[in-house]
Amino acid sequence: MNLLKELEDSVIEGDEENAKQIAQEIVKKNLDIQKAIFSALLSGMKKVGKLYENHEYFIPEVILSADALNAAFEIFTPHLKENKENVKPT
């Protein structure tokens, strides 16, 4: 299975440990971290939001999903590259 899909599924399922492992694998394989954030983490949380709206998920499931997202994001954060072109002087 595609790592991004696996990461998205981990967020949807609220599987924090699996989300961490997949995030570490993405970093290890030097894959695009920004793509992982937008295509997997945020996409997964959007789907969780829809599940909540449809009364299929409740607050505990949403919290578990957020914890999985945060766990993966903590792995990614040190590896994000600063885009100096978009930084405006103050």
PDB file of N, CA and C in Angstrom:
ATOM      1  N   MET A   1       0.839  -1.188   0.000  1.00  0.00           N
ATOM      2  CA  MET A   1       0.000   0.000   0.000  1.00  0.00           C
ATOM      3  C   MET A   1       0.880   1.246   0.000  1.00  0.00           C
ATOM      4  N   ASN A   2       0.404   2.290  -0.564  1.00  0.00           N
ATOM      5  CA  ASN A   2       1.072   3.577  -0.637  1.00  0.00           C
ATOM      6  C   ASN A   2       1.244   4.155   0.777  1.00  0.00           C
ATOM      7  N   LEU A   3       2.432   4.672   1.079  1.00  0.00           N
ATOM      8  CA  LEU A   3       2.695   5.213   2.412  1.00  0.00           C
ATOM      9  C   LEU A   3       1.762   6.366   2.766  1.00  0.00           C
ATOM     10  N   LEU A   4       1.456   7.224   1.798  1.00  0.00           N
ATOM     11  CA  LEU A   4       0.568   8.352   2.083  1.00  0.00           C
ATOM     12  C   LEU A   4      -0.831   7.860   2.442  1.00  0.00           C
ATOM     13  N   LYS A   5      -1.302   6.860   1.731  1.00  0.00           N
ATOM     14  CA  LYS A   5      -2.621   6.287   2.027  1.00  0.00           C
ATOM     15  C   LYS A   5      -2.604   5.620   3.399  1.00  0.00           C
ATOM     16  N   GLU A   6      -1.515   4.932   3.708  1.00  0.00           N
ATOM     17  CA  GLU A   6      -1.389   4.290   5.019  1.00  0.00           C
ATOM     18  C   GLU A   6      -1.395   5.327   6.136  1.00  0.00           C
ATOM     19  N   LEU A   7      -0.703   6.451   5.902  1.00  0.00           N
ATOM     20  CA  LEU A   7      -0.663   7.516   6.905  1.00  0.00           C
ATOM     21  C   LEU A   7      -2.047   8.138   7.070  1.00  0.00           C
ATOM     22  N   GLU A   8      -2.715   8.392   5.964  1.00  0.00           N
ATOM     23  CA  GLU A   8      -4.073   8.933   6.026  1.00  0.00           C
ATOM     24  C   GLU A   8      -4.989   7.978   6.800  1.00  0.00           C
ATOM     25  N   ASP A   9      -4.905   6.694   6.501  1.00  0.00           N
ATOM     26  CA  ASP A   9      -5.725   5.696   7.195  1.00  0.00           C
ATOM     27  C   ASP A   9      -5.413   5.662   8.690  1.00  0.00           C
ATOM     28  N   SER A  10      -4.146   5.823   9.042  1.00  0.00           N
ATOM     29  CA  SER A  10      -3.765   5.834  10.457  1.00  0.00           C
ATOM     30  C   SER A  10      -4.395   7.014  11.185  1.00  0.00           C
ATOM     31  N   VAL A  11      -4.434   8.154  10.520  1.00  0.00           N
ATOM     32  CA  VAL A  11      -5.086   9.325  11.111  1.00  0.00           C
ATOM     33  C   VAL A  11      -6.577   9.049  11.283  1.00  0.00           C
ATOM     34  N   ILE A  12      -7.211   8.554  10.237  1.00  0.00           N
ATOM     35  CA  ILE A  12      -8.653   8.274  10.291  1.00  0.00           C
ATOM     36  C   ILE A  12      -8.969   7.262  11.393  1.00  0.00           C
ATOM     37  N   GLU A  13      -8.114   6.266  11.545  1.00  0.00           N
ATOM     38  CA  GLU A  13      -8.332   5.214  12.543  1.00  0.00           C
ATOM     39  C   GLU A  13      -7.868   5.623  13.941  1.00  0.00           C
ATOM     40  N   GLY A  14      -7.172   6.762  14.038  1.00  0.00           N
ATOM     41  CA  GLY A  14      -6.662   7.208  15.331  1.00  0.00           C
ATOM     42  C   GLY A  14      -5.536   6.346  15.850  1.00  0.00           C
ATOM     43  N   ASP A  15      -4.752   5.788  14.943  1.00  0.00           N
ATOM     44  CA  ASP A  15      -3.655   4.883  15.298  1.00  0.00           C
ATOM     45  C   ASP A  15      -2.347   5.675  15.393  1.00  0.00           C
ATOM     46  N   GLU A  16      -2.091   6.192  16.586  1.00  0.00           N
ATOM     47  CA  GLU A  16      -0.934   7.063  16.817  1.00  0.00           C
ATOM     48  C   GLU A  16       0.393   6.357  16.555  1.00  0.00           C
ATOM     49  N   GLU A  17       0.550   5.141  17.044  1.00  0.00           N
ATOM     50  CA  GLU A  17       1.811   4.413  16.872  1.00  0.00           C
ATOM     51  C   GLU A  17       2.100   4.138  15.397  1.00  0.00           C
ATOM     52  N   ASN A  18       1.101   3.718  14.664  1.00  0.00           N
ATOM     53  CA  ASN A  18       1.291   3.447  13.238  1.00  0.00           C
ATOM     54  C   ASN A  18       1.600   4.740  12.484  1.00  0.00           C
ATOM     55  N   ALA A  19       0.943   5.825  12.864  1.00  0.00           N
ATOM     56  CA  ALA A  19       1.203   7.118  12.226  1.00  0.00           C
ATOM     57  C   ALA A  19       2.662   7.527  12.422  1.00  0.00           C
ATOM     58  N   LYS A  20       3.185   7.313  13.633  1.00  0.00           N
ATOM     59  CA  LYS A  20       4.599   7.622  13.910  1.00  0.00           C
ATOM     60  C   LYS A  20       5.526   6.779  13.042  1.00  0.00           C
ATOM     61  N   GLN A  21       5.252   5.479  12.976  1.00  0.00           N
ATOM     62  CA  GLN A  21       6.100   4.574  12.195  1.00  0.00           C
ATOM     63  C   GLN A  21       6.100   4.949  10.718  1.00  0.00           C
ATOM     64  N   ILE A  22       4.943   5.266  10.185  1.00  0.00           N
ATOM     65  CA  ILE A  22       4.861   5.634   8.768  1.00  0.00           C
ATOM     66  C   ILE A  22       5.562   6.961   8.528  1.00  0.00           C
ATOM     67  N   ALA A  23       5.387   7.918   9.434  1.00  0.00           N
ATOM     68  CA  ALA A  23       6.066   9.212   9.298  1.00  0.00           C
ATOM     69  C   ALA A  23       7.581   9.014   9.302  1.00  0.00           C
ATOM     70  N   GLN A  24       8.080   8.155  10.181  1.00  0.00           N
ATOM     71  CA  GLN A  24       9.518   7.876  10.221  1.00  0.00           C
ATOM     72  C   GLN A  24       9.991   7.238   8.923  1.00  0.00           C
ATOM     73  N   GLU A  25       9.174   6.371   8.363  1.00  0.00           N
ATOM     74  CA  GLU A  25       9.530   5.730   7.099  1.00  0.00           C
ATOM     75  C   GLU A  25       9.552   6.755   5.960  1.00  0.00           C
ATOM     76  N   ILE A  26       8.610   7.684   5.966  1.00  0.00           N
ATOM     77  CA  ILE A  26       8.572   8.738   4.947  1.00  0.00           C
ATOM     78  C   ILE A  26       9.833   9.586   5.033  1.00  0.00           C
ATOM     79  N   VAL A  27      10.239   9.941   6.258  1.00  0.00           N
ATOM     80  CA  VAL A  27      11.465  10.724   6.452  1.00  0.00           C
ATOM     81  C   VAL A  27      12.674   9.913   6.007  1.00  0.00           C
ATOM     82  N   LYS A  28      12.729   8.649   6.414  1.00  0.00           N
ATOM     83  CA  LYS A  28      13.858   7.767   6.076  1.00  0.00           C
ATOM     84  C   LYS A  28      14.021   7.627   4.562  1.00  0.00           C
ATOM     85  N   LYS A  29      12.893   7.537   3.852  1.00  0.00           N
ATOM     86  CA  LYS A  29      12.937   7.384   2.394  1.00  0.00           C
ATOM     87  C   LYS A  29      13.072   8.721   1.670  1.00  0.00           C
ATOM     88  N   ASN A  30      13.197   9.796   2.450  1.00  0.00           N
ATOM     89  CA  ASN A  30      13.392  11.139   1.902  1.00  0.00           C
ATOM     90  C   ASN A  30      12.257  11.537   0.946  1.00  0.00           C
ATOM     91  N   LEU A  31      11.024  11.177   1.318  1.00  0.00           N
ATOM     92  CA  LEU A  31       9.867  11.541   0.508  1.00  0.00           C
ATOM     93  C   LEU A  31       9.442  12.969   0.840  1.00  0.00           C
ATOM     94  N   ASP A  32       8.597  13.531   0.021  1.00  0.00           N
ATOM     95  CA  ASP A  32       8.139  14.910   0.174  1.00  0.00           C
ATOM     96  C   ASP A  32       7.262  15.042   1.422  1.00  0.00           C
ATOM     97  N   ILE A  33       7.794  15.703   2.438  1.00  0.00           N
ATOM     98  CA  ILE A  33       7.092  15.831   3.705  1.00  0.00           C
ATOM     99  C   ILE A  33       5.879  16.747   3.580  1.00  0.00           C
ATOM    100  N   GLN A  34       6.017  17.834   2.825  1.00  0.00           N
ATOM    101  CA  GLN A  34       4.864  18.728   2.660  1.00  0.00           C
ATOM    102  C   GLN A  34       3.709  18.005   1.984  1.00  0.00           C
ATOM    103  N   LYS A  35       4.028  17.174   1.019  1.00  0.00           N
ATOM    104  CA  LYS A  35       2.982  16.392   0.354  1.00  0.00           C
ATOM    105  C   LYS A  35       2.334  15.436   1.352  1.00  0.00           C
ATOM    106  N   ALA A  36       3.132  14.843   2.218  1.00  0.00           N
ATOM    107  CA  ALA A  36       2.595  13.939   3.238  1.00  0.00           C
ATOM    108  C   ALA A  36       1.662  14.681   4.186  1.00  0.00           C
ATOM    109  N   ILE A  37       2.037  15.897   4.535  1.00  0.00           N
ATOM    110  CA  ILE A  37       1.194  16.686   5.440  1.00  0.00           C
ATOM    111  C   ILE A  37      -0.147  16.994   4.787  1.00  0.00           C
ATOM    112  N   PHE A  38      -0.099  17.482   3.554  1.00  0.00           N
ATOM    113  CA  PHE A  38      -1.341  17.898   2.898  1.00  0.00           C
ATOM    114  C   PHE A  38      -2.142  16.724   2.340  1.00  0.00           C
ATOM    115  N   SER A  39      -1.465  15.739   1.774  1.00  0.00           N
ATOM    116  CA  SER A  39      -2.169  14.629   1.122  1.00  0.00           C
ATOM    117  C   SER A  39      -2.587  13.525   2.081  1.00  0.00           C
ATOM    118  N   ALA A  40      -1.978  13.473   3.241  1.00  0.00           N
ATOM    119  CA  ALA A  40      -2.301  12.387   4.171  1.00  0.00           C
ATOM    120  C   ALA A  40      -2.860  12.921   5.489  1.00  0.00           C
ATOM    121  N   LEU A  41      -2.090  13.753   6.177  1.00  0.00           N
ATOM    122  CA  LEU A  41      -2.523  14.207   7.497  1.00  0.00           C
ATOM    123  C   LEU A  41      -3.780  15.069   7.425  1.00  0.00           C
ATOM    124  N   LEU A  42      -3.716  16.130   6.627  1.00  0.00           N
ATOM    125  CA  LEU A  42      -4.870  17.030   6.558  1.00  0.00           C
ATOM    126  C   LEU A  42      -6.055  16.381   5.866  1.00  0.00           C
ATOM    127  N   SER A  43      -5.781  15.615   4.840  1.00  0.00           N
ATOM    128  CA  SER A  43      -6.849  14.893   4.147  1.00  0.00           C
ATOM    129  C   SER A  43      -7.543  13.920   5.100  1.00  0.00           C
ATOM    130  N   GLY A  44      -6.759  13.238   5.901  1.00  0.00           N
ATOM    131  CA  GLY A  44      -7.326  12.311   6.877  1.00  0.00           C
ATOM    132  C   GLY A  44      -8.209  13.020   7.886  1.00  0.00           C
ATOM    133  N   MET A  45      -7.756  14.184   8.370  1.00  0.00           N
ATOM    134  CA  MET A  45      -8.569  14.915   9.343  1.00  0.00           C
ATOM    135  C   MET A  45      -9.835  15.475   8.708  1.00  0.00           C
ATOM    136  N   LYS A  46      -9.767  15.842   7.432  1.00  0.00           N
ATOM    137  CA  LYS A  46     -10.992  16.289   6.751  1.00  0.00           C
ATOM    138  C   LYS A  46     -12.009  15.157   6.704  1.00  0.00           C
ATOM    139  N   LYS A  47     -11.525  13.956   6.436  1.00  0.00           N
ATOM    140  CA  LYS A  47     -12.419  12.793   6.405  1.00  0.00           C
ATOM    141  C   LYS A  47     -12.976  12.503   7.796  1.00  0.00           C
ATOM    142  N   VAL A  48     -12.157  12.681   8.814  1.00  0.00           N
ATOM    143  CA  VAL A  48     -12.622  12.513  10.191  1.00  0.00           C
ATOM    144  C   VAL A  48     -13.718  13.540  10.489  1.00  0.00           C
ATOM    145  N   GLY A  49     -13.524  14.767  10.011  1.00  0.00           N
ATOM    146  CA  GLY A  49     -14.540  15.799  10.189  1.00  0.00           C
ATOM    147  C   GLY A  49     -15.869  15.407   9.562  1.00  0.00           C
ATOM    148  N   LYS A  50     -15.803  14.831   8.378  1.00  0.00           N
ATOM    149  CA  LYS A  50     -17.025  14.366   7.699  1.00  0.00           C
ATOM    150  C   LYS A  50     -17.687  13.232   8.488  1.00  0.00           C
ATOM    151  N   LEU A  51     -16.872  12.314   8.994  1.00  0.00           N
ATOM    152  CA  LEU A  51     -17.413  11.219   9.803  1.00  0.00           C
ATOM    153  C   LEU A  51     -18.098  11.764  11.058  1.00  0.00           C
ATOM    154  N   TYR A  52     -17.509  12.804  11.640  1.00  0.00           N
ATOM    155  CA  TYR A  52     -18.109  13.440  12.818  1.00  0.00           C
ATOM    156  C   TYR A  52     -19.431  14.114  12.448  1.00  0.00           C
ATOM    157  N   GLU A  53     -19.436  14.851  11.326  1.00  0.00           N
ATOM    158  CA  GLU A  53     -20.663  15.514  10.863  1.00  0.00           C
ATOM    159  C   GLU A  53     -21.784  14.512  10.627  1.00  0.00           C
ATOM    160  N   ASN A  54     -21.430  13.336  10.133  1.00  0.00           N
ATOM    161  CA  ASN A  54     -22.416  12.295   9.827  1.00  0.00           C
ATOM    162  C   ASN A  54     -22.754  11.417  11.037  1.00  0.00           C
ATOM    163  N   HIS A  55     -22.255  11.816  12.209  1.00  0.00           N
ATOM    164  CA  HIS A  55     -22.511  11.092  13.458  1.00  0.00           C
ATOM    165  C   HIS A  55     -21.997   9.653  13.423  1.00  0.00           C
ATOM    166  N   GLU A  56     -20.944   9.441  12.617  1.00  0.00           N
ATOM    167  CA  GLU A  56     -20.289   8.133  12.596  1.00  0.00           C
ATOM    168  C   GLU A  56     -19.112   8.116  13.571  1.00  0.00           C
ATOM    169  N   TYR A  57     -18.519   9.293  13.796  1.00  0.00           N
ATOM    170  CA  TYR A  57     -17.458   9.467  14.775  1.00  0.00           C
ATOM    171  C   TYR A  57     -17.966  10.429  15.836  1.00  0.00           C
ATOM    172  N   PHE A  58     -17.417  10.270  17.039  1.00  0.00           N
ATOM    173  CA  PHE A  58     -17.766  11.145  18.138  1.00  0.00           C
ATOM    174  C   PHE A  58     -16.471  11.745  18.686  1.00  0.00           C
ATOM    175  N   ILE A  59     -16.575  12.600  19.683  1.00  0.00           N
ATOM    176  CA  ILE A  59     -15.410  13.329  20.196  1.00  0.00           C
ATOM    177  C   ILE A  59     -14.221  12.408  20.511  1.00  0.00           C
ATOM    178  N   PRO A  60     -14.393  11.273  21.159  1.00  0.00           N
ATOM    179  CA  PRO A  60     -13.217  10.422  21.439  1.00  0.00           C
ATOM    180  C   PRO A  60     -12.467   9.994  20.175  1.00  0.00           C
ATOM    181  N   GLU A  61     -13.193   9.651  19.117  1.00  0.00           N
ATOM    182  CA  GLU A  61     -12.536   9.246  17.863  1.00  0.00           C
ATOM    183  C   GLU A  61     -11.812  10.425  17.220  1.00  0.00           C
ATOM    184  N   VAL A  62     -12.426  11.597  17.306  1.00  0.00           N
ATOM    185  CA  VAL A  62     -11.793  12.797  16.743  1.00  0.00           C
ATOM    186  C   VAL A  62     -10.495  13.100  17.490  1.00  0.00           C
ATOM    187  N   ILE A  63     -10.520  12.969  18.803  1.00  0.00           N
ATOM    188  CA  ILE A  63      -9.314  13.214  19.608  1.00  0.00           C
ATOM    189  C   ILE A  63      -8.218  12.204  19.270  1.00  0.00           C
ATOM    190  N   LEU A  64      -8.573  10.943  19.130  1.00  0.00           N
ATOM    191  CA  LEU A  64      -7.575   9.929  18.760  1.00  0.00           C
ATOM    192  C   LEU A  64      -6.970  10.233  17.392  1.00  0.00           C
ATOM    193  N   SER A  65      -7.793  10.679  16.465  1.00  0.00           N
ATOM    194  CA  SER A  65      -7.295  11.030  15.132  1.00  0.00           C
ATOM    195  C   SER A  65      -6.363  12.232  15.206  1.00  0.00           C
ATOM    196  N   ALA A  66      -6.733  13.226  16.011  1.00  0.00           N
ATOM    197  CA  ALA A  66      -5.877  14.406  16.182  1.00  0.00           C
ATOM    198  C   ALA A  66      -4.549  14.014  16.822  1.00  0.00           C
ATOM    199  N   ASP A  67      -4.580  13.100  17.767  1.00  0.00           N
ATOM    200  CA  ASP A  67      -3.340  12.623  18.393  1.00  0.00           C
ATOM    201  C   ASP A  67      -2.441  11.928  17.370  1.00  0.00           C
ATOM    202  N   ALA A  68      -3.035  11.148  16.479  1.00  0.00           N
ATOM    203  CA  ALA A  68      -2.254  10.473  15.433  1.00  0.00           C
ATOM    204  C   ALA A  68      -1.637  11.503  14.492  1.00  0.00           C
ATOM    205  N   LEU A  69      -2.419  12.515  14.114  1.00  0.00           N
ATOM    206  CA  LEU A  69      -1.901  13.583  13.259  1.00  0.00           C
ATOM    207  C   LEU A  69      -0.727  14.276  13.946  1.00  0.00           C
ATOM    208  N   ASN A  70      -0.901  14.654  15.207  1.00  0.00           N
ATOM    209  CA  ASN A  70       0.155  15.350  15.942  1.00  0.00           C
ATOM    210  C   ASN A  70       1.413  14.501  16.086  1.00  0.00           C
ATOM    211  N   ALA A  71       1.252  13.216  16.296  1.00  0.00           N
ATOM    212  CA  ALA A  71       2.413  12.323  16.432  1.00  0.00           C
ATOM    213  C   ALA A  71       3.234  12.307  15.148  1.00  0.00           C
ATOM    214  N   ALA A  72       2.554  12.210  14.017  1.00  0.00           N
ATOM    215  CA  ALA A  72       3.261  12.219  12.732  1.00  0.00           C
ATOM    216  C   ALA A  72       3.881  13.588  12.478  1.00  0.00           C
ATOM    217  N   PHE A  73       3.146  14.640  12.798  1.00  0.00           N
ATOM    218  CA  PHE A  73       3.651  15.992  12.551  1.00  0.00           C
ATOM    219  C   PHE A  73       4.906  16.274  13.373  1.00  0.00           C
ATOM    220  N   GLU A  74       4.959  15.754  14.586  1.00  0.00           N
ATOM    221  CA  GLU A  74       6.162  15.915  15.412  1.00  0.00           C
ATOM    222  C   GLU A  74       7.373  15.262  14.763  1.00  0.00           C
ATOM    223  N   ILE A  75       7.168  14.155  14.070  1.00  0.00           N
ATOM    224  CA  ILE A  75       8.262  13.492  13.348  1.00  0.00           C
ATOM    225  C   ILE A  75       8.699  14.360  12.174  1.00  0.00           C
ATOM    226  N   PHE A  76       7.732  14.960  11.482  1.00  0.00           N
ATOM    227  CA  PHE A  76       8.028  15.745  10.284  1.00  0.00           C
ATOM    228  C   PHE A  76       8.664  17.103  10.585  1.00  0.00           C
ATOM    229  N   THR A  77       8.276  17.734  11.673  1.00  0.00           N
ATOM    230  CA  THR A  77       8.655  19.122  11.946  1.00  0.00           C
ATOM    231  C   THR A  77      10.150  19.407  11.802  1.00  0.00           C
ATOM    232  N   PRO A  78      11.043  18.618  12.379  1.00  0.00           N
ATOM    233  CA  PRO A  78      12.471  18.937  12.241  1.00  0.00           C
ATOM    234  C   PRO A  78      12.992  18.832  10.801  1.00  0.00           C
ATOM    235  N   HIS A  79      12.232  18.187   9.942  1.00  0.00           N
ATOM    236  CA  HIS A  79      12.692  17.945   8.580  1.00  0.00           C
ATOM    237  C   HIS A  79      12.063  18.890   7.554  1.00  0.00           C
ATOM    238  N   LEU A  80      11.180  19.760   8.014  1.00  0.00           N
ATOM    239  CA  LEU A  80      10.566  20.713   7.091  1.00  0.00           C
ATOM    240  C   LEU A  80      11.600  21.749   6.688  1.00  0.00           C
ATOM    241  N   LYS A  81      11.616  22.060   5.422  1.00  0.00           N
ATOM    242  CA  LYS A  81      12.565  23.047   4.914  1.00  0.00           C
ATOM    243  C   LYS A  81      11.904  24.412   4.922  1.00  0.00           C
ATOM    244  N   GLU A  82      12.636  25.390   5.414  1.00  0.00           N
ATOM    245  CA  GLU A  82      12.112  26.749   5.423  1.00  0.00           C
ATOM    246  C   GLU A  82      12.156  27.289   4.002  1.00  0.00           C
ATOM    247  N   ASN A  83      11.054  27.821   3.566  1.00  0.00           N
ATOM    248  CA  ASN A  83      10.978  28.405   2.234  1.00  0.00           C
ATOM    249  C   ASN A  83      11.293  29.893   2.360  1.00  0.00           C
ATOM    250  N   LYS A  84      12.550  30.257   2.150  1.00  0.00           N
ATOM    251  CA  LYS A  84      13.001  31.629   2.355  1.00  0.00           C
ATOM    252  C   LYS A  84      12.403  32.608   1.358  1.00  0.00           C
ATOM    253  N   GLU A  85      11.950  32.118   0.209  1.00  0.00           N
ATOM    254  CA  GLU A  85      11.361  33.002  -0.787  1.00  0.00           C
ATOM    255  C   GLU A  85      10.048  33.596  -0.300  1.00  0.00           C
ATOM    256  N   ASN A  86       9.343  32.901   0.572  1.00  0.00           N
ATOM    257  CA  ASN A  86       8.051  33.368   1.056  1.00  0.00           C
ATOM    258  C   ASN A  86       8.140  34.141   2.362  1.00  0.00           C
ATOM    259  N   VAL A  87       9.350  34.286   2.908  1.00  0.00           N
ATOM    260  CA  VAL A  87       9.517  35.027   4.150  1.00  0.00           C
ATOM    261  C   VAL A  87       9.642  36.502   3.814  1.00  0.00           C
ATOM    262  N   LYS A  88       8.744  37.304   4.399  1.00  0.00           N
ATOM    263  CA  LYS A  88       8.760  38.745   4.144  1.00  0.00           C
ATOM    264  C   LYS A  88       9.486  39.442   5.286  1.00  0.00           C
ATOM    265  N   PRO A  89      10.338  40.418   4.949  1.00  0.00           N
ATOM    266  CA  PRO A  89      11.046  41.147   6.009  1.00  0.00           C
ATOM    267  C   PRO A  89      10.059  41.970   6.833  1.00  0.00           C
ATOM    268  N   THR A  90      10.389  42.131   8.118  1.00  0.00           N
ATOM    269  CA  THR A  90       9.506  42.923   8.987  1.00  0.00           C
ATOM    270  C   THR A  90      10.027  44.314   9.178  1.00  0.00           C
TER     271      THR A  90
END
